């Protein structure tokens, strides 16, 4: 995926997270999960933009590692929102797919930057339905 597309995906993800968090119930559990999700979900795009302006390969890899962690954390908070009864799986399905896709693309970018052999990461296999467990 070209850098411009990933930049657009991460920004779109952040906006979708902002809108989703705004829909959460006005209760303590909604505030706590919403706050954590808002932080991690908006951090994905901000850190990706920072990675695009990295000063070295090592800096790029470090910043992309943060993108990976924040996208994965966002997926966790979305899963927890469902498990806590704040929303439905259907409502967060696209958000979770986007988070996993961002993780997969980030892992590939990190591997390329490291010069490691490019194989399909587990997250990508799961996103693309290549796990053999359909």
C-alpha atoms as a PDB file:
ATOM      1  CA  UNK A   1       0.000   0.000   0.000  1.00  0.00           C
ATOM      2  CA  UNK A   2       1.471   3.378  -0.943  1.00  0.00           C
ATOM      3  CA  UNK A   3       2.286   5.781   1.896  1.00  0.00           C
ATOM      4  CA  UNK A   4      -0.530   8.144   0.889  1.00  0.00           C
ATOM      5  CA  UNK A   5      -3.115   5.388   1.160  1.00  0.00           C
ATOM      6  CA  UNK A   6      -1.907   4.283   4.577  1.00  0.00           C
ATOM      7  CA  UNK A   7      -1.894   7.904   5.707  1.00  0.00           C
ATOM      8  CA  UNK A   8      -5.518   8.237   4.560  1.00  0.00           C
ATOM      9  CA  UNK A   9      -6.468   4.914   6.189  1.00  0.00           C
ATOM     10  CA  UNK A  10      -4.947   5.869   9.542  1.00  0.00           C
ATOM     11  CA  UNK A  11      -6.621   9.293   9.493  1.00  0.00           C
ATOM     12  CA  UNK A  12      -9.961   7.761   8.496  1.00  0.00           C
ATOM     13  CA  UNK A  13      -9.562   5.237  11.298  1.00  0.00           C
ATOM     14  CA  UNK A  14      -8.951   8.048  13.804  1.00  0.00           C
ATOM     15  CA  UNK A  15     -12.057   9.916  12.637  1.00  0.00           C
ATOM     16  CA  UNK A  16     -14.168   6.756  12.824  1.00  0.00           C
ATOM     17  CA  UNK A  17     -12.896   6.120  16.358  1.00  0.00           C
ATOM     18  CA  UNK A  18     -13.768   9.688  17.390  1.00  0.00           C
ATOM     19  CA  UNK A  19     -17.305   9.256  16.062  1.00  0.00           C
ATOM     20  CA  UNK A  20     -17.680   5.844  17.689  1.00  0.00           C
ATOM     21  CA  UNK A  21     -16.468   7.041  21.104  1.00  0.00           C
ATOM     22  CA  UNK A  22     -18.968   9.893  20.935  1.00  0.00           C
ATOM     23  CA  UNK A  23     -21.749   7.253  20.691  1.00  0.00           C
ATOM     24  CA  UNK A  24     -20.702   5.324  23.803  1.00  0.00           C
ATOM     25  CA  UNK A  25     -23.037   5.444  26.823  1.00  0.00           C
ATOM     26  CA  UNK A  26     -22.519   8.294  29.259  1.00  0.00           C
ATOM     27  CA  UNK A  27     -21.515   5.970  32.090  1.00  0.00           C
ATOM     28  CA  UNK A  28     -18.218   5.326  33.841  1.00  0.00           C
ATOM     29  CA  UNK A  29     -17.442   2.200  31.788  1.00  0.00           C
ATOM     30  CA  UNK A  30     -18.133   4.131  28.581  1.00  0.00           C
ATOM     31  CA  UNK A  31     -15.873   6.959  29.699  1.00  0.00           C
ATOM     32  CA  UNK A  32     -12.976   4.702  30.646  1.00  0.00           C
ATOM     33  CA  UNK A  33     -13.065   2.492  27.563  1.00  0.00           C
ATOM     34  CA  UNK A  34     -13.852   5.478  25.359  1.00  0.00           C
ATOM     35  CA  UNK A  35     -10.931   7.484  26.736  1.00  0.00           C
ATOM     36  CA  UNK A  36      -8.483   4.641  26.185  1.00  0.00           C
ATOM     37  CA  UNK A  37      -9.811   3.971  22.690  1.00  0.00           C
ATOM     38  CA  UNK A  38      -9.733   7.665  21.805  1.00  0.00           C
ATOM     39  CA  UNK A  39      -6.079   7.886  22.840  1.00  0.00           C
ATOM     40  CA  UNK A  40      -4.909   4.774  21.014  1.00  0.00           C
ATOM     41  CA  UNK A  41      -7.121   5.213  17.941  1.00  0.00           C
ATOM     42  CA  UNK A  42      -6.093   8.799  17.273  1.00  0.00           C
ATOM     43  CA  UNK A  43      -2.476   8.020  18.074  1.00  0.00           C
ATOM     44  CA  UNK A  44      -2.289   5.591  15.140  1.00  0.00           C
ATOM     45  CA  UNK A  45      -2.518   8.310  12.495  1.00  0.00           C
ATOM     46  CA  UNK A  46      -0.407  10.823  14.406  1.00  0.00           C
ATOM     47  CA  UNK A  47       2.415   8.326  14.850  1.00  0.00           C
ATOM     48  CA  UNK A  48       2.208   7.183  11.237  1.00  0.00           C
ATOM     49  CA  UNK A  49       2.612  10.798  10.103  1.00  0.00           C
ATOM     50  CA  UNK A  50       5.592  11.047  12.406  1.00  0.00           C
ATOM     51  CA  UNK A  51       7.060   7.850  10.929  1.00  0.00           C
ATOM     52  CA  UNK A  52       6.720   9.317   7.437  1.00  0.00           C
ATOM     53  CA  UNK A  53       9.018  12.118   8.561  1.00  0.00           C
ATOM     54  CA  UNK A  54      11.542   9.849  10.281  1.00  0.00           C
ATOM     55  CA  UNK A  55      15.155  10.970  10.161  1.00  0.00           C
ATOM     56  CA  UNK A  56      16.604   7.498   9.736  1.00  0.00           C
ATOM     57  CA  UNK A  57      15.624   3.902   9.063  1.00  0.00           C
ATOM     58  CA  UNK A  58      16.010   3.130  12.755  1.00  0.00           C
ATOM     59  CA  UNK A  59      13.749   6.070  13.666  1.00  0.00           C
ATOM     60  CA  UNK A  60      11.179   4.909  11.081  1.00  0.00           C
ATOM     61  CA  UNK A  61      11.163   1.374  12.489  1.00  0.00           C
ATOM     62  CA  UNK A  62      10.746   2.659  16.055  1.00  0.00           C
ATOM     63  CA  UNK A  63       7.869   4.953  15.111  1.00  0.00           C
ATOM     64  CA  UNK A  64       6.161   2.279  13.048  1.00  0.00           C
ATOM     65  CA  UNK A  65       6.436  -0.016  16.073  1.00  0.00           C
ATOM     66  CA  UNK A  66       4.367   2.533  17.988  1.00  0.00           C
ATOM     67  CA  UNK A  67       1.796   2.584  15.169  1.00  0.00           C
ATOM     68  CA  UNK A  68       1.566  -1.204  15.358  1.00  0.00           C
ATOM     69  CA  UNK A  69       1.122  -1.161  19.142  1.00  0.00           C
ATOM     70  CA  UNK A  70      -1.516   1.576  19.093  1.00  0.00           C
ATOM     71  CA  UNK A  71      -3.555  -0.083  16.325  1.00  0.00           C
ATOM     72  CA  UNK A  72      -3.455  -3.400  18.176  1.00  0.00           C
ATOM     73  CA  UNK A  73      -4.429  -1.653  21.418  1.00  0.00           C
ATOM     74  CA  UNK A  74      -7.342  -0.005  19.610  1.00  0.00           C
ATOM     75  CA  UNK A  75      -8.534  -3.422  18.477  1.00  0.00           C
ATOM     76  CA  UNK A  76      -8.370  -4.564  22.110  1.00  0.00           C
ATOM     77  CA  UNK A  77     -10.500  -1.644  23.365  1.00  0.00           C
ATOM     78  CA  UNK A  78     -13.039  -2.236  20.590  1.00  0.00           C
ATOM     79  CA  UNK A  79     -13.251  -5.902  21.562  1.00  0.00           C
ATOM     80  CA  UNK A  80     -13.637  -4.923  25.210  1.00  0.00           C
ATOM     81  CA  UNK A  81     -16.429  -2.465  24.344  1.00  0.00           C
ATOM     82  CA  UNK A  82     -18.352  -5.350  22.797  1.00  0.00           C
ATOM     83  CA  UNK A  83     -17.620  -7.730  25.663  1.00  0.00           C
ATOM     84  CA  UNK A  84     -18.711  -5.066  28.191  1.00  0.00           C
ATOM     85  CA  UNK A  85     -22.034  -4.701  26.393  1.00  0.00           C
ATOM     86  CA  UNK A  86     -21.426  -1.125  25.231  1.00  0.00           C
ATOM     87  CA  UNK A  87     -21.888  -1.919  21.549  1.00  0.00           C
ATOM     88  CA  UNK A  88     -22.388  -4.767  19.093  1.00  0.00           C
ATOM     89  CA  UNK A  89     -19.879  -6.759  17.071  1.00  0.00           C
ATOM     90  CA  UNK A  90     -21.566  -5.496  13.931  1.00  0.00           C
ATOM     91  CA  UNK A  91     -21.107  -1.858  14.950  1.00  0.00           C
ATOM     92  CA  UNK A  92     -17.358  -2.225  15.501  1.00  0.00           C
ATOM     93  CA  UNK A  93     -16.701  -4.791  12.757  1.00  0.00           C
ATOM     94  CA  UNK A  94     -15.284  -2.327  10.230  1.00  0.00           C
ATOM     95  CA  UNK A  95     -13.254  -0.507  12.884  1.00  0.00           C
ATOM     96  CA  UNK A  96     -11.722  -3.776  14.043  1.00  0.00           C
ATOM     97  CA  UNK A  97     -10.997  -4.817  10.450  1.00  0.00           C
ATOM     98  CA  UNK A  98      -9.297  -1.469   9.823  1.00  0.00           C
ATOM     99  CA  UNK A  99      -7.230  -1.778  13.019  1.00  0.00           C
ATOM    100  CA  UNK A 100      -6.065  -5.261  12.021  1.00  0.00           C
ATOM    101  CA  UNK A 101      -5.310  -4.127   8.489  1.00  0.00           C
ATOM    102  CA  UNK A 102      -3.214  -1.253   9.840  1.00  0.00           C
ATOM    103  CA  UNK A 103      -1.324  -3.683  12.091  1.00  0.00           C
ATOM    104  CA  UNK A 104      -0.645  -5.997   9.150  1.00  0.00           C
ATOM    105  CA  UNK A 105       0.520  -3.193   6.861  1.00  0.00           C
ATOM    106  CA  UNK A 106       2.696  -1.760   9.610  1.00  0.00           C
ATOM    107  CA  UNK A 107       4.338  -5.125  10.268  1.00  0.00           C
ATOM    108  CA  UNK A 108       5.110  -5.452   6.549  1.00  0.00           C
ATOM    109  CA  UNK A 109       6.584  -1.947   6.467  1.00  0.00           C
ATOM    110  CA  UNK A 110       8.776  -2.690   9.470  1.00  0.00           C
ATOM    111  CA  UNK A 111       9.997  -5.941   7.918  1.00  0.00           C
ATOM    112  CA  UNK A 112      10.807  -4.184   4.662  1.00  0.00           C
ATOM    113  CA  UNK A 113      12.674  -1.447   6.502  1.00  0.00           C
ATOM    114  CA  UNK A 114      14.689  -4.036   8.399  1.00  0.00           C
ATOM    115  CA  UNK A 115      15.496  -5.844   5.187  1.00  0.00           C
ATOM    116  CA  UNK A 116      13.911  -9.016   6.522  1.00  0.00           C
ATOM    117  CA  UNK A 117      12.358 -11.532   4.153  1.00  0.00           C
ATOM    118  CA  UNK A 118       8.807 -10.516   3.380  1.00  0.00           C
ATOM    119  CA  UNK A 119       6.352 -13.204   4.383  1.00  0.00           C
ATOM    120  CA  UNK A 120       2.696 -12.753   5.059  1.00  0.00           C
ATOM    121  CA  UNK A 121       2.388 -11.864   8.760  1.00  0.00           C
ATOM    122  CA  UNK A 122      -0.189 -13.678  10.865  1.00  0.00           C
ATOM    123  CA  UNK A 123      -2.268 -10.502  11.204  1.00  0.00           C
ATOM    124  CA  UNK A 124      -2.447 -10.202   7.414  1.00  0.00           C
ATOM    125  CA  UNK A 125      -3.395 -13.844   7.032  1.00  0.00           C
ATOM    126  CA  UNK A 126      -6.213 -13.356   9.522  1.00  0.00           C
ATOM    127  CA  UNK A 127      -7.374 -10.142   7.802  1.00  0.00           C
ATOM    128  CA  UNK A 128      -7.321 -11.750   4.375  1.00  0.00           C
ATOM    129  CA  UNK A 129      -8.844 -15.020   5.578  1.00  0.00           C
ATOM    130  CA  UNK A 130      -5.720 -17.095   4.831  1.00  0.00           C
ATOM    131  CA  UNK A 131      -5.468 -18.862   8.192  1.00  0.00           C
ATOM    132  CA  UNK A 132      -7.050 -22.093   7.023  1.00  0.00           C
ATOM    133  CA  UNK A 133      -9.552 -21.769   9.885  1.00  0.00           C
ATOM    134  CA  UNK A 134     -12.500 -20.322   8.003  1.00  0.00           C
END
